[in-house]
Protein backbone atom coordinates (compact mmCIF):
# COMPACT_ATOMS: atom_id res chain seq x y z
CA MET A 1 182.85 7.30 119.65
CA SER A 2 180.82 7.59 116.50
CA SER A 3 178.79 10.63 115.62
CA TYR A 4 175.69 8.46 116.00
CA SER A 5 176.68 7.64 119.58
CA SER A 6 177.18 11.34 120.22
CA TYR A 7 173.75 12.04 118.79
CA LEU A 8 172.18 9.36 120.99
CA LYS A 9 173.85 10.77 124.10
CA GLU A 10 172.59 14.24 123.19
CA GLN A 11 169.04 12.92 122.76
CA ILE A 12 169.26 11.08 126.09
CA ALA A 13 170.22 14.34 127.80
CA VAL A 14 167.32 16.16 126.13
CA HIS A 15 164.76 13.57 127.23
CA GLN A 16 166.17 13.50 130.77
CA ALA A 17 165.85 17.28 130.99
CA ILE A 18 162.26 17.17 129.71
CA ILE A 19 161.34 14.45 132.21
CA GLU A 20 162.84 16.48 135.05
CA GLU A 21 161.04 19.63 133.96
CA LEU A 22 157.69 17.89 133.58
CA GLY A 23 158.19 16.12 136.89
CA ARG A 24 158.40 19.35 138.84
CA ASP A 25 155.34 19.98 140.94
CA GLY A 26 154.26 23.32 139.61
CA SER A 27 150.73 22.45 138.61
CA ASP A 28 147.47 22.89 140.47
CA LYS A 29 146.42 19.41 141.54
CA SER A 30 142.75 20.30 140.99
CA GLN A 31 143.36 20.30 137.25
CA ASP A 32 143.12 16.55 136.79
CA ARG A 33 143.08 16.54 132.98
CA LEU A 34 146.24 18.64 132.80
CA GLU A 35 147.92 16.44 135.40
CA THR A 36 146.96 13.28 133.48
CA ALA A 37 148.31 14.75 130.24
CA ARG A 38 151.53 15.75 131.99
CA LEU A 39 151.99 12.23 133.38
CA LYS A 40 151.39 10.71 129.94
CA GLU A 41 153.99 13.07 128.49
CA ILE A 42 156.49 12.02 131.16
CA ARG A 43 155.86 8.34 130.38
CA ASN A 44 156.36 8.99 126.65
CA HIS A 45 159.72 10.62 127.30
CA GLU A 46 160.72 7.83 129.70
CA ARG A 47 160.00 5.26 126.97
CA SER A 48 162.03 7.29 124.47
CA LEU A 49 164.85 7.52 126.99
CA GLU A 50 164.86 3.73 127.49
CA ALA A 51 164.91 3.13 123.74
CA LEU A 52 167.74 5.61 123.21
CA ARG A 53 169.81 4.04 125.99
CA ALA A 54 169.29 0.57 124.52
CA THR A 55 170.24 1.80 121.06
CA LEU A 56 173.36 3.47 122.47
CA MET A 57 174.40 0.23 124.18
CA ILE A 58 174.00 -1.64 120.90
CA GLU A 59 175.88 1.06 118.98
CA ASP A 60 178.71 1.11 121.50
CA GLY A 61 178.94 -2.70 121.44
CA ALA A 62 179.02 -2.76 117.64
CA SER A 63 181.79 -0.17 117.45
CA ARG A 64 184.17 -2.21 119.66
């Protein structure tokens, strides 16, 4: 495995942890603006996670 693949796997783990942390229901539901911002942040990390996984698949395929 290349060091780039290792880096991608590390970044995937980081984004997964952030998504899990942001997804925890610890906020007051009456704070709509904060909730909306939190959901946007989760979506941003989910998109990053998808892109990293796709890049890792390409990298792994190229190294074989």
